[in-house]
Amino acid sequence: MKSRDRRHGITLVNSGEGKGKSSAGFGVVFRAAGWGLKVCVIQYIKGKWKTGEQRAAERFENIEWHVLGDGFTWDTKNPARDIETSRGIWEFSKDKIRSGNFDLVLLDEINYCTSYGWISGAEIAAFVRDEKPAWMHLILTGRDAAPEVIELADTATEMTCLKHAFENGVEAEQGVEF
């Protein structure tokens, strides 16, 4: 494994309307953990759901997992609280990134926060550009990634939905969707 002084930290953005943004990020999380890298996952939206990814991560000593969101915000009854929660998670995220304790940080569904106007893309881009350690890998997921975030990314992927089981009345399936 490359030492931090020889590593180029990659910033990845997974966005778009299709399924797989978080799943792709979690794949990288488990790949990195498998190589012994120290990983931090911070979830912005999911709320207190227990997911298969989180259950799997508990088997690794080198993955720290934080589910901090209030739940699916498109059903919100209290937008002011959602903004406050997201801003608090953003501050928490910046502290984790600044700590230097992690080789990879995943900010799961942070892009939703920019599309809702709770955290600006310019603010995220400036922090990543100016304060993320050069050796740290960073993943930002969620629909509608801000142009500034896409611009600073080393790799940006837009997931496109060609077909989804939900369109045929199939609800979220354990082991596939969560």
Protein backbone atom coordinates (compact mmCIF):
# COMPACT_ATOMS: atom_id res chain seq x y z
CA MET A 1 0.00 0.00 0.00
CA LYS A 2 1.29 3.47 -0.87
CA SER A 3 2.31 5.60 2.08
CA ARG A 4 0.42 8.83 2.51
CA ASP A 5 3.37 10.89 1.31
CA ARG A 6 3.31 9.00 -2.03
CA ARG A 7 -0.49 8.85 -2.47
CA HIS A 8 -2.60 11.12 -4.64
CA GLY A 9 -5.95 11.45 -2.86
CA ILE A 10 -8.75 10.98 -5.34
CA THR A 11 -12.03 12.89 -5.05
CA LEU A 12 -14.94 10.96 -6.54
CA VAL A 13 -18.45 12.26 -7.16
CA ASN A 14 -21.34 9.86 -7.80
CA SER A 15 -24.43 11.71 -8.95
CA GLY A 16 -27.38 11.40 -11.33
CA GLU A 17 -30.97 10.15 -11.30
CA GLY A 18 -30.11 6.45 -11.47
CA LYS A 19 -29.61 3.89 -8.73
CA GLY A 20 -26.17 3.00 -7.46
CA LYS A 21 -24.55 6.22 -6.25
CA SER A 22 -24.22 5.18 -2.62
CA SER A 23 -23.71 1.52 -3.56
CA ALA A 24 -20.73 2.45 -5.71
CA GLY A 25 -19.32 4.53 -2.86
CA PHE A 26 -19.76 1.64 -0.42
CA GLY A 27 -17.95 -0.63 -2.86
CA VAL A 28 -14.93 1.67 -2.68
CA VAL A 29 -15.29 1.81 1.14
CA PHE A 30 -15.05 -1.97 1.41
CA ARG A 31 -12.24 -2.15 -1.16
CA ALA A 32 -10.22 0.41 0.83
CA ALA A 33 -10.98 -1.30 4.14
CA GLY A 34 -9.89 -4.61 2.63
CA TRP A 35 -6.49 -3.04 1.95
CA GLY A 36 -6.26 -1.85 5.56
CA LEU A 37 -7.06 1.81 4.91
CA LYS A 38 -8.85 3.70 7.70
CA VAL A 39 -12.31 4.71 6.47
CA CYS A 40 -15.03 7.05 7.72
CA VAL A 41 -18.60 6.94 6.36
CA ILE A 42 -20.93 9.85 7.13
CA GLN A 43 -24.54 9.55 5.99
CA TYR A 44 -26.45 12.80 5.53
CA ILE A 45 -30.00 11.71 4.72
CA LYS A 46 -30.79 8.10 5.57
CA GLY A 47 -31.80 8.65 9.19
CA LYS A 48 -31.78 5.79 11.64
CA TRP A 49 -32.32 2.96 9.14
CA LYS A 50 -30.16 -0.08 9.75
CA THR A 51 -28.68 -1.10 6.40
CA GLY A 52 -26.78 -4.12 5.14
CA GLU A 53 -23.77 -1.91 4.39
CA GLN A 54 -23.64 -0.67 7.96
CA ARG A 55 -24.04 -4.21 9.30
CA ALA A 56 -21.17 -5.39 7.07
CA ALA A 57 -18.99 -2.45 8.13
CA GLU A 58 -19.33 -3.49 11.77
CA ARG A 59 -17.17 -6.52 10.90
CA PHE A 60 -14.24 -4.22 10.06
CA GLU A 61 -12.16 -2.54 12.75
CA ASN A 62 -10.99 0.11 10.29
CA ILE A 63 -14.40 1.51 9.27
CA GLU A 64 -16.05 4.22 11.36
CA TRP A 65 -19.74 4.69 10.45
CA HIS A 66 -22.03 7.63 11.28
CA VAL A 67 -25.73 7.79 10.39
CA LEU A 68 -26.59 11.40 11.21
CA GLY A 69 -29.48 12.50 9.00
CA ASP A 70 -33.11 13.01 9.98
CA GLY A 71 -34.44 10.69 7.28
CA PHE A 72 -35.74 11.19 3.78
CA THR A 73 -36.00 14.96 3.56
CA TRP A 74 -38.31 15.10 0.54
CA ASP A 75 -41.04 14.10 3.05
CA THR A 76 -39.95 16.75 5.55
CA LYS A 77 -42.33 18.42 7.95
CA ASN A 78 -39.63 20.69 9.37
CA PRO A 79 -37.25 22.14 6.75
CA ALA A 80 -35.56 24.44 9.27
CA ARG A 81 -34.54 21.41 11.32
CA ASP A 82 -33.28 19.64 8.17
CA ILE A 83 -31.08 22.64 7.36
CA GLU A 84 -29.75 22.77 10.92
CA THR A 85 -29.09 19.02 10.92
CA SER A 86 -27.30 19.13 7.56
CA ARG A 87 -25.16 22.10 8.59
CA GLY A 88 -24.21 20.22 11.77
CA ILE A 89 -23.30 17.11 9.78
CA TRP A 90 -21.20 19.27 7.45
CA GLU A 91 -19.26 20.68 10.42
CA PHE A 92 -18.81 17.13 11.76
CA SER A 93 -17.59 16.01 8.31
CA LYS A 94 -15.06 18.82 8.10
CA ASP A 95 -13.71 17.89 11.54
CA LYS A 96 -13.31 14.23 10.48
CA ILE A 97 -11.55 15.24 7.26
CA ARG A 98 -9.27 17.72 9.04
CA SER A 99 -8.37 15.16 11.72
CA GLY A 100 -6.09 13.27 9.35
CA ASN A 101 -7.25 10.02 10.96
CA PHE A 102 -8.78 8.60 7.79
CA ASP A 103 -7.45 7.54 4.41
CA LEU A 104 -10.92 7.61 2.84
CA VAL A 105 -14.04 9.57 3.78
CA LEU A 106 -17.45 8.96 2.19
CA LEU A 107 -20.00 11.79 2.48
CA ASP A 108 -23.07 9.81 1.52
CA GLU A 109 -25.91 11.87 0.01
CA ILE A 110 -24.25 15.24 0.67
CA ASN A 111 -25.12 16.29 -2.90
CA TYR A 112 -28.80 16.43 -1.94
CA CYS A 113 -27.89 19.13 0.58
CA THR A 114 -26.48 21.31 -2.18
CA SER A 115 -29.49 20.80 -4.44
CA TYR A 116 -31.80 21.79 -1.55
CA GLY A 117 -29.66 24.89 -0.92
CA TRP A 118 -28.62 23.88 2.61
CA ILE A 119 -24.88 23.81 1.88
CA SER A 120 -23.52 25.56 -1.19
CA GLY A 121 -21.49 23.72 -3.78
CA ALA A 122 -18.98 26.57 -3.68
CA GLU A 123 -18.53 26.08 0.08
CA ILE A 124 -17.94 22.34 -0.31
CA ALA A 125 -15.57 22.84 -3.24
CA ALA A 126 -13.54 25.48 -1.38
CA PHE A 127 -13.18 23.24 1.68
CA VAL A 128 -12.14 20.22 -0.37
CA ARG A 129 -9.71 22.25 -2.44
CA ASP A 130 -8.17 24.14 0.51
CA GLU A 131 -8.40 21.78 3.48
CA LYS A 132 -8.70 18.14 2.44
CA PRO A 133 -5.32 16.44 2.93
CA ALA A 134 -3.70 15.80 -0.45
CA TRP A 135 -3.34 12.07 0.31
CA MET A 136 -6.97 11.53 1.44
CA HIS A 137 -9.56 9.91 -0.83
CA LEU A 138 -13.01 11.51 -0.68
CA ILE A 139 -16.35 10.35 -2.10
CA LEU A 140 -19.43 12.57 -2.38
CA THR A 141 -22.72 10.93 -3.39
CA GLY A 142 -26.28 12.01 -4.14
CA ARG A 143 -28.36 13.41 -6.97
CA ASP A 144 -27.77 16.86 -8.41
CA ALA A 145 -24.12 17.36 -7.50
CA ALA A 146 -23.22 21.04 -7.67
CA PRO A 147 -21.20 22.13 -10.73
CA GLU A 148 -18.39 23.36 -8.45
CA VAL A 149 -18.16 19.93 -6.82
CA ILE A 150 -18.10 18.15 -10.18
CA GLU A 151 -15.43 20.55 -11.42
CA LEU A 152 -13.05 19.81 -8.51
CA ALA A 153 -13.56 16.04 -8.68
CA ASP A 154 -10.89 13.80 -10.12
CA THR A 155 -13.61 11.35 -11.15
CA ALA A 156 -17.28 12.24 -11.55
CA THR A 157 -19.91 9.70 -12.57
CA GLU A 158 -23.52 10.33 -13.45
CA MET A 159 -25.78 7.34 -12.86
CA THR A 160 -28.58 7.14 -15.42
CA CYS A 161 -31.73 5.13 -14.77
CA LEU A 162 -32.67 2.96 -17.71
CA LYS A 163 -35.24 0.95 -15.79
CA HIS A 164 -36.16 0.52 -12.09
CA ALA A 165 -38.17 -2.20 -10.35
CA PHE A 166 -40.13 0.46 -8.44
CA GLU A 167 -41.80 1.42 -11.74
CA ASN A 168 -43.44 -2.03 -11.66
CA GLY A 169 -44.58 -1.71 -8.05
CA VAL A 170 -41.63 -3.49 -6.45
CA GLU A 171 -40.81 -1.88 -3.09
CA ALA A 172 -37.26 -1.59 -1.76
CA GLU A 173 -35.81 -5.07 -1.25
CA GLN A 174 -33.58 -5.94 1.70
CA GLY A 175 -30.12 -6.89 0.50
CA VAL A 176 -30.48 -4.94 -2.75
CA GLU A 177 -31.81 -1.49 -1.80
CA PHE A 178 -30.74 -1.40 1.87
